N, C-alpha and C. Protein backbone atom coordinates (compact mmCIF):
# COMPACT_ATOMS: atom_id res chain seq x y z
N MET A 1 38.93 -53.39 81.13
CA MET A 1 38.61 -53.96 79.82
C MET A 1 37.55 -53.08 79.16
N SER A 2 37.88 -52.53 78.01
CA SER A 2 36.96 -51.62 77.34
C SER A 2 35.79 -52.39 76.74
N ARG A 3 34.63 -51.73 76.77
CA ARG A 3 33.42 -52.33 76.22
C ARG A 3 33.36 -52.06 74.72
N SER A 4 33.02 -53.07 73.93
CA SER A 4 32.95 -52.90 72.48
C SER A 4 31.74 -52.05 72.12
N ALA A 5 31.83 -51.38 70.99
CA ALA A 5 30.74 -50.53 70.52
C ALA A 5 29.54 -51.40 70.15
N PRO A 6 28.33 -50.89 70.33
CA PRO A 6 27.14 -51.68 70.00
C PRO A 6 26.94 -51.78 68.49
N ASP A 7 26.16 -52.75 68.09
CA ASP A 7 25.70 -52.83 66.72
C ASP A 7 24.61 -51.78 66.55
N VAL A 8 24.72 -50.94 65.55
CA VAL A 8 23.77 -49.85 65.35
C VAL A 8 22.80 -50.21 64.23
N VAL A 9 21.52 -50.13 64.52
CA VAL A 9 20.47 -50.32 63.52
C VAL A 9 19.85 -48.95 63.27
N VAL A 10 19.92 -48.49 62.03
CA VAL A 10 19.40 -47.17 61.67
C VAL A 10 17.96 -47.34 61.18
N GLY A 11 17.04 -46.81 61.95
CA GLY A 11 15.62 -46.90 61.60
C GLY A 11 14.89 -47.93 62.43
N ALA A 12 13.82 -47.51 63.11
CA ALA A 12 13.02 -48.41 63.93
C ALA A 12 11.73 -48.79 63.23
N GLY A 13 11.81 -48.96 61.91
CA GLY A 13 10.70 -49.53 61.17
C GLY A 13 10.67 -51.03 61.37
N HIS A 14 9.76 -51.71 60.69
CA HIS A 14 9.61 -53.15 60.95
C HIS A 14 10.86 -53.94 60.56
N ASN A 15 11.54 -53.55 59.49
CA ASN A 15 12.76 -54.28 59.11
C ASN A 15 13.86 -54.08 60.14
N GLY A 16 14.04 -52.83 60.58
CA GLY A 16 15.07 -52.55 61.57
C GLY A 16 14.79 -53.23 62.89
N LEU A 17 13.52 -53.23 63.32
CA LEU A 17 13.18 -53.85 64.60
C LEU A 17 13.40 -55.36 64.57
N VAL A 18 13.04 -56.00 63.45
CA VAL A 18 13.25 -57.44 63.35
C VAL A 18 14.75 -57.75 63.40
N ALA A 19 15.55 -56.98 62.65
CA ALA A 19 17.00 -57.19 62.67
C ALA A 19 17.56 -56.99 64.07
N ALA A 20 17.09 -55.95 64.76
CA ALA A 20 17.58 -55.67 66.11
C ALA A 20 17.22 -56.79 67.08
N CYS A 21 16.01 -57.34 66.94
CA CYS A 21 15.59 -58.44 67.82
C CYS A 21 16.50 -59.65 67.66
N TYR A 22 16.80 -59.99 66.41
CA TYR A 22 17.65 -61.17 66.19
C TYR A 22 19.08 -60.92 66.66
N LEU A 23 19.57 -59.71 66.47
CA LEU A 23 20.91 -59.39 66.96
C LEU A 23 20.96 -59.47 68.48
N ALA A 24 19.93 -58.91 69.14
CA ALA A 24 19.90 -58.93 70.60
C ALA A 24 19.77 -60.35 71.12
N ARG A 25 18.96 -61.16 70.44
CA ARG A 25 18.78 -62.54 70.89
C ARG A 25 20.06 -63.35 70.74
N ALA A 26 20.91 -62.92 69.81
CA ALA A 26 22.20 -63.59 69.62
C ALA A 26 23.24 -63.10 70.62
N GLY A 27 22.82 -62.21 71.53
CA GLY A 27 23.73 -61.75 72.57
C GLY A 27 24.48 -60.47 72.24
N ARG A 28 24.11 -59.82 71.14
CA ARG A 28 24.78 -58.59 70.75
C ARG A 28 24.20 -57.40 71.51
N ASP A 29 25.03 -56.40 71.70
CA ASP A 29 24.58 -55.13 72.28
C ASP A 29 24.08 -54.28 71.12
N VAL A 30 22.82 -53.90 71.13
CA VAL A 30 22.19 -53.27 69.97
C VAL A 30 21.68 -51.88 70.32
N LEU A 31 21.94 -50.93 69.44
CA LEU A 31 21.41 -49.58 69.57
C LEU A 31 20.57 -49.29 68.32
N VAL A 32 19.29 -48.98 68.53
CA VAL A 32 18.38 -48.66 67.43
C VAL A 32 18.16 -47.16 67.41
N LEU A 33 18.40 -46.54 66.26
CA LEU A 33 18.24 -45.10 66.10
C LEU A 33 17.04 -44.81 65.20
N GLU A 34 16.19 -43.89 65.62
CA GLU A 34 14.98 -43.55 64.85
C GLU A 34 14.79 -42.04 64.86
N ALA A 35 14.57 -41.46 63.67
CA ALA A 35 14.42 -40.01 63.55
C ALA A 35 13.06 -39.52 64.01
N LEU A 36 12.04 -40.38 63.90
CA LEU A 36 10.70 -39.97 64.30
C LEU A 36 10.52 -40.09 65.81
N ASP A 37 9.33 -39.73 66.28
CA ASP A 37 9.11 -39.67 67.72
C ASP A 37 8.86 -41.03 68.36
N ARG A 38 8.58 -42.05 67.57
CA ARG A 38 8.37 -43.40 68.11
C ARG A 38 8.59 -44.43 67.01
N PRO A 39 8.74 -45.70 67.38
CA PRO A 39 9.07 -46.72 66.39
C PRO A 39 7.86 -47.13 65.54
N GLY A 40 8.15 -47.94 64.53
CA GLY A 40 7.10 -48.49 63.68
C GLY A 40 7.31 -48.24 62.21
N GLY A 41 7.93 -47.11 61.87
CA GLY A 41 8.20 -46.82 60.47
C GLY A 41 6.94 -46.82 59.62
N GLY A 42 7.04 -47.38 58.42
CA GLY A 42 5.90 -47.41 57.51
C GLY A 42 4.76 -48.27 57.98
N ALA A 43 5.01 -49.18 58.92
CA ALA A 43 3.96 -50.06 59.42
C ALA A 43 3.19 -49.44 60.58
N ARG A 44 3.60 -48.27 61.02
CA ARG A 44 2.95 -47.61 62.15
C ARG A 44 1.56 -47.12 61.76
N THR A 45 0.62 -47.23 62.66
CA THR A 45 -0.75 -46.79 62.40
C THR A 45 -0.96 -45.38 62.94
N GLU A 46 -1.50 -44.52 62.08
CA GLU A 46 -1.76 -43.15 62.49
C GLU A 46 -3.13 -42.71 61.96
N GLN A 47 -3.74 -41.74 62.63
CA GLN A 47 -4.99 -41.16 62.18
C GLN A 47 -4.65 -40.04 61.19
N THR A 48 -4.37 -40.42 59.95
CA THR A 48 -3.94 -39.44 58.95
C THR A 48 -5.12 -38.62 58.42
N ILE A 49 -6.33 -39.16 58.51
CA ILE A 49 -7.55 -38.44 58.18
C ILE A 49 -8.43 -38.52 59.42
N PRO A 50 -9.01 -37.42 59.88
CA PRO A 50 -9.80 -37.46 61.11
C PRO A 50 -10.83 -38.57 61.11
N GLY A 51 -10.75 -39.44 62.12
CA GLY A 51 -11.69 -40.55 62.24
C GLY A 51 -11.28 -41.82 61.55
N PHE A 52 -10.15 -41.80 60.81
CA PHE A 52 -9.71 -42.98 60.06
C PHE A 52 -8.24 -43.23 60.34
N ARG A 53 -7.90 -44.50 60.57
CA ARG A 53 -6.52 -44.86 60.90
C ARG A 53 -5.93 -45.72 59.78
N PHE A 54 -4.70 -45.42 59.41
CA PHE A 54 -4.01 -46.12 58.32
C PHE A 54 -2.58 -46.40 58.72
N ASP A 55 -1.98 -47.44 58.07
CA ASP A 55 -0.53 -47.55 58.17
C ASP A 55 0.07 -46.44 57.32
N LEU A 56 1.27 -46.01 57.66
CA LEU A 56 1.85 -44.85 56.99
C LEU A 56 2.35 -45.15 55.58
N HIS A 57 2.71 -46.41 55.33
CA HIS A 57 3.23 -46.72 54.00
C HIS A 57 3.22 -48.20 53.65
N SER A 58 3.44 -49.06 54.62
CA SER A 58 3.83 -50.44 54.31
C SER A 58 2.66 -51.31 53.86
N VAL A 59 2.30 -51.16 52.60
CA VAL A 59 1.12 -51.84 52.08
C VAL A 59 1.28 -53.35 52.01
N ALA A 60 2.51 -53.84 51.95
CA ALA A 60 2.73 -55.28 51.78
C ALA A 60 3.35 -55.91 53.03
N HIS A 61 3.26 -55.22 54.16
CA HIS A 61 3.93 -55.75 55.35
C HIS A 61 3.34 -57.08 55.80
N ASN A 62 2.08 -57.36 55.44
CA ASN A 62 1.49 -58.63 55.89
C ASN A 62 2.17 -59.84 55.28
N ILE A 63 3.08 -59.66 54.32
CA ILE A 63 3.83 -60.78 53.78
C ILE A 63 4.70 -61.41 54.87
N ILE A 64 4.96 -60.66 55.95
CA ILE A 64 5.72 -61.25 57.07
C ILE A 64 5.01 -62.50 57.60
N ASN A 65 3.70 -62.57 57.42
CA ASN A 65 2.95 -63.74 57.90
C ASN A 65 3.18 -64.98 57.05
N MET A 66 3.89 -64.83 55.94
CA MET A 66 4.28 -65.99 55.14
C MET A 66 5.65 -66.52 55.59
N THR A 67 6.19 -65.93 56.63
CA THR A 67 7.46 -66.37 57.20
C THR A 67 7.23 -66.87 58.62
N ASP A 68 8.29 -67.36 59.24
CA ASP A 68 8.21 -67.84 60.63
C ASP A 68 8.54 -66.74 61.64
N ILE A 69 8.80 -65.52 61.17
CA ILE A 69 9.24 -64.45 62.07
C ILE A 69 8.23 -64.13 63.17
N PRO A 70 6.92 -63.99 62.87
CA PRO A 70 5.99 -63.65 63.96
C PRO A 70 6.00 -64.67 65.09
N ALA A 71 6.02 -65.96 64.75
CA ALA A 71 6.04 -67.00 65.79
C ALA A 71 7.40 -67.06 66.47
N ASP A 72 8.47 -66.93 65.68
CA ASP A 72 9.82 -67.05 66.22
C ASP A 72 10.11 -65.95 67.25
N LEU A 73 9.61 -64.74 66.99
CA LEU A 73 9.83 -63.63 67.91
C LEU A 73 8.65 -63.41 68.86
N ASP A 74 7.64 -64.27 68.80
CA ASP A 74 6.44 -64.15 69.64
C ASP A 74 5.88 -62.74 69.58
N LEU A 75 5.62 -62.27 68.37
CA LEU A 75 5.10 -60.91 68.20
C LEU A 75 3.69 -60.79 68.76
N ALA A 76 2.92 -61.87 68.72
CA ALA A 76 1.58 -61.83 69.33
C ALA A 76 1.69 -61.61 70.83
N GLY A 77 2.70 -62.20 71.45
CA GLY A 77 2.92 -62.01 72.88
C GLY A 77 3.27 -60.58 73.22
N ALA A 78 3.80 -59.85 72.23
CA ALA A 78 4.13 -58.44 72.44
C ALA A 78 2.95 -57.53 72.10
N GLY A 79 1.82 -58.14 71.70
CA GLY A 79 0.62 -57.36 71.44
C GLY A 79 0.28 -57.14 69.98
N LEU A 80 1.05 -57.76 69.07
CA LEU A 80 0.78 -57.56 67.64
C LEU A 80 -0.44 -58.35 67.19
N VAL A 81 -1.39 -57.67 66.58
CA VAL A 81 -2.58 -58.31 66.00
C VAL A 81 -2.74 -57.77 64.58
N TYR A 82 -2.81 -58.67 63.61
CA TYR A 82 -3.03 -58.25 62.23
C TYR A 82 -4.51 -58.21 61.93
N GLN A 83 -4.95 -57.11 61.34
CA GLN A 83 -6.32 -56.99 60.86
C GLN A 83 -6.28 -57.23 59.35
N GLU A 84 -6.52 -58.47 58.96
CA GLU A 84 -6.43 -58.81 57.54
C GLU A 84 -7.65 -58.30 56.78
N MET A 85 -7.41 -57.72 55.63
CA MET A 85 -8.49 -57.22 54.80
C MET A 85 -8.98 -58.31 53.84
N ASP A 86 -10.25 -58.40 53.66
CA ASP A 86 -10.83 -59.32 52.70
C ASP A 86 -12.15 -58.74 52.20
N PRO A 87 -12.19 -58.18 51.00
CA PRO A 87 -11.16 -58.23 49.96
C PRO A 87 -9.93 -57.39 50.31
N PHE A 88 -8.79 -57.80 49.74
CA PHE A 88 -7.55 -57.09 50.02
C PHE A 88 -7.31 -55.95 49.04
N SER A 89 -8.09 -55.90 47.97
CA SER A 89 -7.95 -54.82 47.01
C SER A 89 -9.24 -54.73 46.19
N ILE A 90 -9.48 -53.56 45.61
CA ILE A 90 -10.60 -53.40 44.70
C ILE A 90 -10.12 -52.65 43.46
N ALA A 91 -10.83 -52.85 42.36
CA ALA A 91 -10.56 -52.10 41.13
C ALA A 91 -11.88 -51.48 40.70
N VAL A 92 -11.91 -50.17 40.60
CA VAL A 92 -13.11 -49.46 40.18
C VAL A 92 -13.03 -49.23 38.67
N ARG A 93 -14.00 -49.75 37.96
CA ARG A 93 -14.00 -49.68 36.50
C ARG A 93 -14.52 -48.32 36.02
N PRO A 94 -14.22 -47.96 34.77
CA PRO A 94 -14.70 -46.67 34.24
C PRO A 94 -16.21 -46.51 34.30
N ASP A 95 -16.95 -47.63 34.22
CA ASP A 95 -18.41 -47.53 34.26
C ASP A 95 -18.96 -47.49 35.68
N GLY A 96 -18.07 -47.46 36.67
CA GLY A 96 -18.49 -47.41 38.07
C GLY A 96 -18.61 -48.76 38.73
N GLY A 97 -18.51 -49.83 37.96
CA GLY A 97 -18.54 -51.17 38.54
C GLY A 97 -17.27 -51.46 39.33
N THR A 98 -17.37 -52.38 40.26
CA THR A 98 -16.24 -52.68 41.14
C THR A 98 -15.88 -54.16 41.07
N VAL A 99 -14.60 -54.44 40.91
CA VAL A 99 -14.08 -55.80 40.99
C VAL A 99 -13.40 -55.94 42.35
N ARG A 100 -13.74 -56.97 43.08
CA ARG A 100 -13.17 -57.20 44.41
C ARG A 100 -12.19 -58.37 44.36
N PHE A 101 -10.99 -58.13 44.89
CA PHE A 101 -9.96 -59.16 44.95
C PHE A 101 -9.95 -59.74 46.36
N TYR A 102 -10.55 -60.93 46.49
CA TYR A 102 -10.68 -61.59 47.79
C TYR A 102 -9.48 -62.51 48.03
N ARG A 103 -9.34 -62.96 49.28
CA ARG A 103 -8.35 -64.01 49.56
C ARG A 103 -8.66 -65.24 48.73
N SER A 104 -9.91 -65.56 48.60
CA SER A 104 -10.34 -66.70 47.80
C SER A 104 -10.20 -66.38 46.31
N VAL A 105 -9.46 -67.20 45.59
CA VAL A 105 -9.35 -67.02 44.14
C VAL A 105 -10.71 -67.18 43.49
N GLU A 106 -11.49 -68.16 43.97
CA GLU A 106 -12.80 -68.44 43.38
C GLU A 106 -13.73 -67.23 43.50
N ARG A 107 -13.76 -66.60 44.67
CA ARG A 107 -14.61 -65.42 44.85
C ARG A 107 -14.13 -64.26 43.99
N THR A 108 -12.83 -64.14 43.85
CA THR A 108 -12.27 -63.08 43.00
C THR A 108 -12.66 -63.30 41.54
N VAL A 109 -12.51 -64.53 41.08
CA VAL A 109 -12.86 -64.86 39.70
C VAL A 109 -14.35 -64.59 39.45
N ALA A 110 -15.17 -64.92 40.42
CA ALA A 110 -16.61 -64.67 40.29
C ALA A 110 -16.90 -63.17 40.21
N SER A 111 -16.15 -62.35 40.98
CA SER A 111 -16.35 -60.91 40.94
C SER A 111 -15.94 -60.35 39.58
N ILE A 112 -14.85 -60.85 39.02
CA ILE A 112 -14.41 -60.41 37.69
C ILE A 112 -15.43 -60.83 36.63
N ALA A 113 -15.94 -62.05 36.77
CA ALA A 113 -16.86 -62.60 35.78
C ALA A 113 -18.15 -61.80 35.68
N GLU A 114 -18.52 -61.08 36.73
CA GLU A 114 -19.71 -60.23 36.67
C GLU A 114 -19.56 -59.15 35.59
N HIS A 115 -18.32 -58.82 35.25
CA HIS A 115 -18.06 -57.76 34.28
C HIS A 115 -17.44 -58.31 32.98
N ASP A 116 -16.61 -59.36 33.12
CA ASP A 116 -15.87 -59.85 31.94
C ASP A 116 -15.50 -61.32 32.16
N PRO A 117 -16.32 -62.26 31.68
CA PRO A 117 -16.04 -63.69 31.89
C PRO A 117 -14.70 -64.13 31.28
N VAL A 118 -14.32 -63.54 30.16
CA VAL A 118 -13.05 -63.91 29.54
C VAL A 118 -11.88 -63.50 30.43
N ALA A 119 -11.93 -62.28 30.96
CA ALA A 119 -10.88 -61.82 31.86
C ALA A 119 -10.85 -62.65 33.14
N ALA A 120 -12.01 -63.09 33.60
CA ALA A 120 -12.07 -63.92 34.80
C ALA A 120 -11.31 -65.22 34.61
N ASP A 121 -11.51 -65.86 33.46
CA ASP A 121 -10.81 -67.11 33.17
C ASP A 121 -9.31 -66.86 33.04
N ALA A 122 -8.94 -65.75 32.39
CA ALA A 122 -7.53 -65.43 32.23
C ALA A 122 -6.88 -65.17 33.59
N TYR A 123 -7.59 -64.48 34.49
CA TYR A 123 -7.03 -64.20 35.81
C TYR A 123 -6.82 -65.49 36.59
N ALA A 124 -7.77 -66.41 36.51
CA ALA A 124 -7.63 -67.68 37.22
C ALA A 124 -6.37 -68.43 36.77
N LYS A 125 -6.11 -68.44 35.47
CA LYS A 125 -4.92 -69.12 34.95
C LYS A 125 -3.64 -68.39 35.36
N PHE A 126 -3.71 -67.07 35.34
CA PHE A 126 -2.56 -66.26 35.72
C PHE A 126 -2.18 -66.50 37.18
N ILE A 127 -3.18 -66.52 38.06
CA ILE A 127 -2.92 -66.73 39.48
C ILE A 127 -2.46 -68.16 39.74
N SER A 128 -2.95 -69.12 38.97
CA SER A 128 -2.48 -70.50 39.11
C SER A 128 -0.98 -70.57 38.84
N ASP A 129 -0.53 -69.90 37.78
CA ASP A 129 0.90 -69.86 37.49
C ASP A 129 1.65 -69.10 38.58
N GLY A 130 1.07 -67.99 39.03
CA GLY A 130 1.72 -67.21 40.07
C GLY A 130 1.88 -67.97 41.37
N THR A 131 0.89 -68.80 41.70
CA THR A 131 0.96 -69.61 42.91
C THR A 131 2.14 -70.58 42.84
N ALA A 132 2.36 -71.15 41.66
CA ALA A 132 3.49 -72.05 41.49
C ALA A 132 4.81 -71.32 41.71
N VAL A 133 4.91 -70.10 41.17
CA VAL A 133 6.13 -69.32 41.32
C VAL A 133 6.37 -68.98 42.78
N VAL A 134 5.32 -68.52 43.48
CA VAL A 134 5.47 -68.14 44.88
C VAL A 134 5.87 -69.33 45.73
N ARG A 135 5.23 -70.47 45.51
CA ARG A 135 5.56 -71.67 46.29
C ARG A 135 7.00 -72.11 46.06
N ALA A 136 7.52 -71.87 44.86
CA ALA A 136 8.89 -72.28 44.55
C ALA A 136 9.93 -71.41 45.26
N ILE A 137 9.63 -70.11 45.38
CA ILE A 137 10.64 -69.20 45.96
C ILE A 137 10.42 -68.93 47.44
N LEU A 138 9.26 -69.30 47.97
CA LEU A 138 8.95 -68.97 49.36
C LEU A 138 9.92 -69.59 50.36
N PRO A 139 10.34 -70.85 50.20
CA PRO A 139 11.29 -71.41 51.18
C PRO A 139 12.58 -70.59 51.29
N ALA A 140 13.09 -70.10 50.16
CA ALA A 140 14.31 -69.29 50.20
C ALA A 140 14.04 -67.97 50.91
N MET A 141 12.86 -67.40 50.66
CA MET A 141 12.50 -66.14 51.33
C MET A 141 12.40 -66.34 52.83
N ARG A 142 11.91 -67.49 53.25
CA ARG A 142 11.78 -67.78 54.68
C ARG A 142 13.11 -68.16 55.31
N GLY A 143 14.11 -68.46 54.49
CA GLY A 143 15.35 -68.99 55.01
C GLY A 143 15.20 -70.43 55.44
N ASP A 144 14.19 -71.10 54.91
CA ASP A 144 13.88 -72.48 55.30
C ASP A 144 14.40 -73.43 54.23
N MET A 145 15.64 -73.81 54.34
CA MET A 145 16.24 -74.68 53.34
C MET A 145 16.42 -76.11 53.86
N GLY A 146 15.67 -76.45 54.92
CA GLY A 146 15.69 -77.81 55.42
C GLY A 146 14.72 -78.68 54.65
N ALA A 147 14.29 -79.78 55.27
CA ALA A 147 13.42 -80.74 54.58
C ALA A 147 12.08 -80.12 54.21
N ARG A 148 11.50 -79.33 55.15
CA ARG A 148 10.21 -78.72 54.86
C ARG A 148 10.32 -77.75 53.70
N GLY A 149 11.38 -76.92 53.70
CA GLY A 149 11.56 -75.96 52.63
C GLY A 149 11.82 -76.63 51.30
N ALA A 150 12.62 -77.70 51.31
CA ALA A 150 12.91 -78.41 50.07
C ALA A 150 11.65 -79.02 49.48
N TRP A 151 10.78 -79.56 50.37
CA TRP A 151 9.52 -80.13 49.89
C TRP A 151 8.62 -79.05 49.30
N GLY A 152 8.55 -77.90 49.95
CA GLY A 152 7.73 -76.81 49.43
C GLY A 152 8.23 -76.31 48.09
N ALA A 153 9.55 -76.15 47.96
CA ALA A 153 10.12 -75.71 46.69
C ALA A 153 9.88 -76.74 45.60
N ALA A 154 9.99 -78.02 45.95
CA ALA A 154 9.76 -79.08 44.96
C ALA A 154 8.33 -79.06 44.45
N ARG A 155 7.38 -78.81 45.36
CA ARG A 155 5.97 -78.70 44.93
C ARG A 155 5.79 -77.55 43.97
N GLY A 156 6.41 -76.43 44.29
CA GLY A 156 6.30 -75.27 43.41
C GLY A 156 6.93 -75.52 42.05
N LEU A 157 8.10 -76.14 42.03
CA LEU A 157 8.77 -76.42 40.76
C LEU A 157 7.99 -77.42 39.93
N ALA A 158 7.36 -78.40 40.59
CA ALA A 158 6.53 -79.36 39.86
C ALA A 158 5.34 -78.67 39.21
N ALA A 159 4.75 -77.70 39.94
CA ALA A 159 3.63 -76.96 39.39
C ALA A 159 4.08 -76.09 38.22
N ILE A 160 5.27 -75.52 38.31
CA ILE A 160 5.81 -74.73 37.21
C ILE A 160 6.01 -75.61 35.98
N ALA A 161 6.51 -76.83 36.19
CA ALA A 161 6.71 -77.76 35.09
C ALA A 161 5.39 -78.08 34.39
N ARG A 162 4.33 -78.24 35.19
CA ARG A 162 3.01 -78.54 34.60
C ARG A 162 2.47 -77.33 33.86
N ALA A 163 2.78 -76.13 34.35
CA ALA A 163 2.23 -74.92 33.75
C ALA A 163 2.95 -74.53 32.46
N GLY A 164 4.13 -75.07 32.24
CA GLY A 164 4.89 -74.71 31.05
C GLY A 164 6.05 -73.80 31.41
N PRO A 165 7.21 -74.38 31.75
CA PRO A 165 8.33 -73.58 32.25
C PRO A 165 8.85 -72.55 31.25
N LEU A 166 8.83 -72.86 29.97
CA LEU A 166 9.34 -71.91 28.98
C LEU A 166 8.46 -70.67 28.91
N ARG A 167 7.14 -70.88 28.96
CA ARG A 167 6.23 -69.74 28.94
C ARG A 167 6.40 -68.89 30.18
N LEU A 168 6.51 -69.56 31.33
CA LEU A 168 6.68 -68.81 32.58
C LEU A 168 8.00 -68.05 32.60
N ALA A 169 9.06 -68.69 32.06
CA ALA A 169 10.36 -68.02 32.02
C ALA A 169 10.28 -66.76 31.15
N ARG A 170 9.59 -66.87 30.02
CA ARG A 170 9.41 -65.70 29.16
C ARG A 170 8.64 -64.60 29.89
N ASP A 171 7.58 -65.00 30.57
CA ASP A 171 6.77 -64.02 31.29
C ASP A 171 7.57 -63.33 32.39
N LEU A 172 8.34 -64.10 33.14
CA LEU A 172 9.07 -63.54 34.28
C LEU A 172 10.19 -62.60 33.85
N MET A 173 10.77 -62.85 32.68
CA MET A 173 11.86 -62.00 32.20
C MET A 173 11.33 -60.73 31.54
N ALA A 174 10.05 -60.71 31.22
CA ALA A 174 9.48 -59.58 30.49
C ALA A 174 9.06 -58.47 31.45
N PRO A 175 8.89 -57.25 30.94
CA PRO A 175 8.28 -56.18 31.75
C PRO A 175 6.84 -56.56 32.10
N TYR A 176 6.37 -56.11 33.25
CA TYR A 176 5.02 -56.52 33.63
C TYR A 176 3.94 -55.89 32.78
N GLU A 177 4.23 -54.79 32.12
CA GLU A 177 3.26 -54.20 31.21
C GLU A 177 2.87 -55.18 30.11
N SER A 178 3.88 -55.82 29.51
CA SER A 178 3.60 -56.74 28.42
C SER A 178 3.04 -58.06 28.94
N THR A 179 3.54 -58.54 30.10
CA THR A 179 3.03 -59.80 30.65
C THR A 179 1.57 -59.69 31.02
N LEU A 180 1.20 -58.62 31.71
CA LEU A 180 -0.20 -58.45 32.09
C LEU A 180 -1.10 -58.27 30.87
N GLY A 181 -0.62 -57.52 29.89
CA GLY A 181 -1.41 -57.32 28.69
C GLY A 181 -1.64 -58.62 27.94
N ARG A 182 -0.61 -59.46 27.92
CA ARG A 182 -0.70 -60.73 27.20
C ARG A 182 -1.51 -61.77 27.99
N ARG A 183 -1.33 -61.81 29.31
CA ARG A 183 -1.93 -62.87 30.11
C ARG A 183 -3.32 -62.53 30.64
N VAL A 184 -3.55 -61.24 30.95
CA VAL A 184 -4.82 -60.85 31.58
C VAL A 184 -5.62 -59.92 30.68
N GLY A 185 -5.01 -58.82 30.26
CA GLY A 185 -5.67 -57.89 29.36
C GLY A 185 -6.76 -57.06 30.02
N GLY A 186 -7.34 -56.17 29.26
CA GLY A 186 -8.44 -55.35 29.76
C GLY A 186 -8.00 -54.39 30.85
N ASP A 187 -8.98 -53.83 31.55
CA ASP A 187 -8.64 -52.85 32.60
C ASP A 187 -8.15 -53.51 33.87
N LEU A 188 -8.11 -54.85 33.91
CA LEU A 188 -7.49 -55.52 35.06
C LEU A 188 -5.98 -55.38 35.04
N VAL A 189 -5.43 -54.98 33.89
CA VAL A 189 -3.99 -54.75 33.82
C VAL A 189 -3.57 -53.72 34.85
N GLY A 190 -4.33 -52.63 34.96
CA GLY A 190 -4.01 -51.59 35.92
C GLY A 190 -4.08 -52.09 37.35
N ALA A 191 -5.08 -52.94 37.63
CA ALA A 191 -5.23 -53.47 38.99
C ALA A 191 -4.04 -54.33 39.37
N GLY A 192 -3.60 -55.19 38.46
CA GLY A 192 -2.45 -56.04 38.75
C GLY A 192 -1.17 -55.25 38.84
N ALA A 193 -1.05 -54.20 38.02
CA ALA A 193 0.18 -53.41 38.00
C ALA A 193 0.37 -52.63 39.29
N ALA A 194 -0.70 -52.36 40.03
CA ALA A 194 -0.58 -51.57 41.25
C ALA A 194 0.38 -52.22 42.24
N PHE A 195 0.32 -53.55 42.37
CA PHE A 195 1.19 -54.23 43.32
C PHE A 195 2.65 -54.16 42.90
N ALA A 196 2.90 -54.26 41.58
CA ALA A 196 4.27 -54.15 41.11
C ALA A 196 4.79 -52.73 41.30
N ALA A 197 3.92 -51.74 41.10
CA ALA A 197 4.33 -50.35 41.26
C ALA A 197 4.73 -50.06 42.70
N HIS A 198 4.06 -50.72 43.67
CA HIS A 198 4.43 -50.53 45.08
C HIS A 198 5.86 -50.97 45.33
N GLY A 199 6.35 -51.91 44.51
CA GLY A 199 7.73 -52.37 44.67
C GLY A 199 8.73 -51.43 44.02
N GLY A 200 8.25 -50.34 43.44
CA GLY A 200 9.14 -49.38 42.83
C GLY A 200 9.65 -49.82 41.46
N VAL A 201 8.94 -50.74 40.83
CA VAL A 201 9.37 -51.28 39.53
C VAL A 201 8.54 -50.62 38.43
N GLY A 202 9.19 -50.09 37.43
CA GLY A 202 8.49 -49.46 36.32
C GLY A 202 7.87 -50.50 35.40
N PRO A 203 6.79 -50.14 34.70
CA PRO A 203 6.08 -51.11 33.86
C PRO A 203 6.87 -51.63 32.67
N THR A 204 7.94 -50.93 32.28
CA THR A 204 8.73 -51.37 31.13
C THR A 204 10.07 -51.98 31.54
N ALA A 205 10.29 -52.17 32.85
CA ALA A 205 11.56 -52.72 33.34
C ALA A 205 11.62 -54.23 33.11
N ALA A 206 12.68 -54.68 32.49
CA ALA A 206 12.84 -56.12 32.25
C ALA A 206 12.85 -56.87 33.57
N GLY A 207 12.17 -58.00 33.62
CA GLY A 207 12.12 -58.82 34.83
C GLY A 207 11.12 -58.34 35.86
N GLY A 208 10.40 -57.29 35.57
CA GLY A 208 9.45 -56.75 36.54
C GLY A 208 8.23 -57.62 36.76
N SER A 209 8.03 -58.61 35.91
CA SER A 209 6.82 -59.44 36.02
C SER A 209 6.77 -60.27 37.29
N LEU A 210 7.94 -60.54 37.89
CA LEU A 210 7.93 -61.28 39.15
C LEU A 210 7.06 -60.57 40.17
N PHE A 211 7.02 -59.25 40.14
CA PHE A 211 6.27 -58.49 41.14
C PHE A 211 4.76 -58.62 40.93
N VAL A 212 4.31 -58.81 39.70
CA VAL A 212 2.87 -59.00 39.52
C VAL A 212 2.48 -60.45 39.81
N TYR A 213 3.38 -61.39 39.57
CA TYR A 213 3.08 -62.76 39.96
C TYR A 213 2.96 -62.88 41.47
N TRP A 214 3.60 -61.94 42.17
CA TRP A 214 3.52 -61.99 43.64
C TRP A 214 2.11 -61.72 44.15
N GLN A 215 1.22 -61.24 43.28
CA GLN A 215 -0.17 -61.04 43.70
C GLN A 215 -0.78 -62.36 44.18
N ALA A 216 -0.29 -63.47 43.66
CA ALA A 216 -0.76 -64.78 44.11
C ALA A 216 -0.51 -64.98 45.60
N ALA A 217 0.52 -64.33 46.13
CA ALA A 217 0.82 -64.46 47.55
C ALA A 217 -0.31 -63.94 48.41
N TYR A 218 -0.99 -62.91 47.94
CA TYR A 218 -2.11 -62.37 48.71
C TYR A 218 -3.27 -63.38 48.79
N HIS A 219 -3.46 -64.14 47.73
CA HIS A 219 -4.48 -65.18 47.78
C HIS A 219 -4.07 -66.33 48.70
N LEU A 220 -2.76 -66.54 48.86
CA LEU A 220 -2.29 -67.60 49.75
C LEU A 220 -2.38 -67.19 51.21
């Protein structure tokens, strides 16, 4: 009886490894192919500057912690430890001042207010809307469409309704350049746009605003 060919996963980065784990757990014969000398892909840590260690590319990989994958695959048991940054980002202003984006929305707003109280208030409202959007779509991203996921999505949709669904719909369909300029303004536009740019979305692309609303996920 001939043996069937294995399922081939091309690339041993974090996406490929997760896919391979689930295939293997389902009883499939899996072959993972990687061009580099060891696995990890963009999430791999290397000493790219003498004395300093960085991941090679995957700036948003910590979003995996908003899913059940780490617990489901017992990644901690395999030795995975996340070193969470707080603040998770900074924006250096032309005058040399620094705005720090903390996990805490309140601390972030306070940091912005040191330079621009109006922008601080605008950012707080923007992140409030973004939190509603993230909570609404997160269950689908997790693949959690059971009772827990339905409750989470319902909470998010209720928050969207309170925030003004027509305004949010307009914002989400617009390019992030115009959404950030309208909702936040000032030199914080560049700071917010950085996260969308990591997704490979241009500032004038229609619908790109979803990527800047995702900044709320970092606060969550």
